[in-house]
C-alpha atoms as a PDB file:
ATOM      1  CA  MET A   1       0.000   0.000   0.000  1.00  0.00           C
ATOM      2  CA  ASN A   2       1.301   3.428  -0.926  1.00  0.00           C
ATOM      3  CA  ILE A   3      -0.326   5.750   1.581  1.00  0.00           C
ATOM      4  CA  ILE A   4       1.042   8.846  -0.190  1.00  0.00           C
ATOM      5  CA  ASN A   5      -1.481   8.248  -2.993  1.00  0.00           C
ATOM      6  CA  ASP A   6      -4.273   7.934  -0.427  1.00  0.00           C
ATOM      7  CA  ILE A   7      -3.868  11.371   1.171  1.00  0.00           C
ATOM      8  CA  LYS A   8      -5.846  14.179  -0.444  1.00  0.00           C
ATOM      9  CA  PRO A   9      -6.557  17.774   0.574  1.00  0.00           C
ATOM     10  CA  VAL A  10     -10.143  18.815   1.240  1.00  0.00           C
ATOM     11  CA  THR A  11     -10.040  20.952  -1.923  1.00  0.00           C
ATOM     12  CA  TYR A  12      -9.496  17.763  -3.958  1.00  0.00           C
ATOM     13  CA  LEU A  13     -12.538  16.223  -2.265  1.00  0.00           C
ATOM     14  CA  LYS A  14     -14.606  19.301  -3.113  1.00  0.00           C
ATOM     15  CA  SER A  15     -13.601  19.359  -6.775  1.00  0.00           C
ATOM     16  CA  LYS A  16     -13.348  15.612  -7.523  1.00  0.00           C
ATOM     17  CA  ALA A  17     -15.759  13.913  -5.130  1.00  0.00           C
ATOM     18  CA  ALA A  18     -17.104  11.473  -7.746  1.00  0.00           C
ATOM     19  CA  ASP A  19     -13.588  10.446  -8.846  1.00  0.00           C
ATOM     20  CA  LEU A  20     -12.520   9.994  -5.246  1.00  0.00           C
ATOM     21  CA  LEU A  21     -15.554   7.840  -4.454  1.00  0.00           C
ATOM     22  CA  ASN A  22     -14.850   5.688  -7.513  1.00  0.00           C
ATOM     23  CA  GLN A  23     -11.238   5.243  -6.397  1.00  0.00           C
ATOM     24  CA  ILE A  24     -12.278   4.242  -2.884  1.00  0.00           C
ATOM     25  CA  ASN A  25     -14.857   1.744  -4.096  1.00  0.00           C
ATOM     26  CA  GLU A  26     -12.514   0.207  -6.691  1.00  0.00           C
ATOM     27  CA  THR A  27      -9.393  -0.082  -4.522  1.00  0.00           C
ATOM     28  CA  HIS A  28     -11.100  -0.640  -1.130  1.00  0.00           C
ATOM     29  CA  ARG A  29      -8.367   1.543   0.357  1.00  0.00           C
ATOM     30  CA  PRO A  30      -9.335   4.408   2.636  1.00  0.00           C
ATOM     31  CA  VAL A  31      -8.365   7.960   1.713  1.00  0.00           C
ATOM     32  CA  ILE A  32      -7.180  10.442   4.319  1.00  0.00           C
ATOM     33  CA  ILE A  33      -8.565  13.949   3.835  1.00  0.00           C
ATOM     34  CA  THR A  34      -6.400  16.801   5.068  1.00  0.00           C
ATOM     35  CA  GLN A  35      -7.239  20.383   5.909  1.00  0.00           C
ATOM     36  CA  ASN A  36      -4.427  22.910   6.261  1.00  0.00           C
ATOM     37  CA  GLY A  37      -1.976  20.012   6.020  1.00  0.00           C
ATOM     38  CA  GLU A  38      -3.481  18.158   9.000  1.00  0.00           C
ATOM     39  CA  PRO A  39      -5.414  14.881   8.724  1.00  0.00           C
ATOM     40  CA  ARG A  40      -9.107  15.631   9.393  1.00  0.00           C
ATOM     41  CA  ALA A  41     -11.123  12.671   8.091  1.00  0.00           C
ATOM     42  CA  VAL A  42     -10.940   9.231   6.522  1.00  0.00           C
ATOM     43  CA  LEU A  43     -13.164   8.144   3.637  1.00  0.00           C
ATOM     44  CA  GLN A  44     -13.785   4.439   3.277  1.00  0.00           C
ATOM     45  CA  ASP A  45     -16.032   2.215   1.172  1.00  0.00           C
ATOM     46  CA  PRO A  46     -19.005   0.697   3.021  1.00  0.00           C
ATOM     47  CA  GLU A  47     -17.869  -2.933   2.686  1.00  0.00           C
ATOM     48  CA  SER A  48     -14.431  -2.242   4.158  1.00  0.00           C
ATOM     49  CA  TYR A  49     -16.007  -0.167   6.909  1.00  0.00           C
ATOM     50  CA  GLU A  50     -18.381  -2.996   7.832  1.00  0.00           C
ATOM     51  CA  ASN A  51     -15.532  -5.529   7.790  1.00  0.00           C
ATOM     52  CA  MET A  52     -13.495  -3.272  10.066  1.00  0.00           C
ATOM     53  CA  ARG A  53     -16.409  -2.876  12.498  1.00  0.00           C
ATOM     54  CA  ASN A  54     -16.900  -6.652  12.584  1.00  0.00           C
ATOM     55  CA  ALA A  55     -13.194  -7.229  13.228  1.00  0.00           C
ATOM     56  CA  ILE A  56     -13.199  -4.680  16.043  1.00  0.00           C
ATOM     57  CA  GLY A  57     -16.247  -6.377  17.564  1.00  0.00           C
ATOM     58  CA  ILE A  58     -14.522  -9.769  17.495  1.00  0.00           C
ATOM     59  CA  LEU A  59     -11.363  -8.303  19.033  1.00  0.00           C
ATOM     60  CA  LYS A  60     -13.457  -6.704  21.772  1.00  0.00           C
ATOM     61  CA  LEU A  61     -15.081 -10.055  22.585  1.00  0.00           C
ATOM     62  CA  ILE A  62     -11.671 -11.751  22.688  1.00  0.00           C
ATOM     63  CA  SER A  63     -10.371  -9.052  25.015  1.00  0.00           C
ATOM     64  CA  GLN A  64     -13.377  -9.439  27.320  1.00  0.00           C
ATOM     65  CA  GLY A  65     -12.881 -13.205  27.335  1.00  0.00           C
ATOM     66  CA  GLU A  66      -9.222 -12.845  28.241  1.00  0.00           C
ATOM     67  CA  ALA A  67     -10.156 -10.466  31.082  1.00  0.00           C
ATOM     68  CA  ASP A  68     -12.717 -13.011  32.339  1.00  0.00           C
ATOM     69  CA  ILE A  69     -10.058 -15.734  32.325  1.00  0.00           C
ATOM     70  CA  ARG A  70      -7.597 -13.529  34.233  1.00  0.00           C
ATOM     71  CA  CYS A  71     -10.265 -12.733  36.847  1.00  0.00           C
ATOM     72  CA  GLY A  72     -11.403 -16.335  37.194  1.00  0.00           C
ATOM     73  CA  ARG A  73     -14.867 -15.700  35.735  1.00  0.00           C
ATOM     74  CA  THR A  74     -15.042 -19.020  33.898  1.00  0.00           C
ATOM     75  CA  LYS A  75     -17.081 -22.227  33.997  1.00  0.00           C
ATOM     76  CA  ARG A  76     -16.191 -25.680  32.832  1.00  0.00           C
ATOM     77  CA  GLN A  77     -17.825 -26.696  29.571  1.00  0.00           C
ATOM     78  CA  GLU A  78     -19.569 -29.667  31.178  1.00  0.00           C
ATOM     79  CA  ARG A  79     -21.161 -27.370  33.773  1.00  0.00           C
ATOM     80  CA  VAL A  80     -22.431 -24.942  31.123  1.00  0.00           C
ATOM     81  CA  PHE A  81     -23.999 -27.742  29.084  1.00  0.00           C
ATOM     82  CA  LYS A  82     -25.550 -29.245  32.236  1.00  0.00           C
ATOM     83  CA  GLU A  83     -27.092 -25.868  33.162  1.00  0.00           C
ATOM     84  CA  ILE A  84     -28.506 -25.486  29.637  1.00  0.00           C
ATOM     85  CA  GLU A  85     -29.864 -29.010  29.694  1.00  0.00           C
ATOM     86  CA  ASP A  86     -31.473 -28.468  33.109  1.00  0.00           C
ATOM     87  CA  SER A  87     -33.020 -25.195  31.922  1.00  0.00           C
ATOM     88  CA  LEU A  88     -34.457 -26.840  28.822  1.00  0.00           C
ATOM     89  CA  ASN A  89     -35.870 -29.702  30.899  1.00  0.00           C
ATOM     90  CA  GLU A  90     -37.516 -27.230  33.272  1.00  0.00           C
ATOM     91  CA  SER A  91     -39.103 -25.427  30.325  1.00  0.00           C
ATOM     92  CA  LEU A  92     -40.470 -28.683  28.904  1.00  0.00           C
ATOM     93  CA  ASN A  93     -41.946 -29.703  32.267  1.00  0.00           C
ATOM     94  CA  GLU A  94     -43.898 -26.473  32.755  1.00  0.00           C
END
């Protein structure tokens, strides 16, 4: 990836929005928009954005799981299945 090609000033966005959107959707690479030489925004195609959000969600779940393990908030698999089985049996008997 050549990030230099993916940095554009806000004036470029204003004058070539359609071209920029085509580039983003074809390459699936985000484009950094600058204002006064400072990065101000990132434009990204919807599919890549959704994939990124999903990946972040998975990483968050992994992190929470690791924290649970460190704090001893775990149950043995057999116990979990037994609790589910008992709950289902209770529901059937009502």
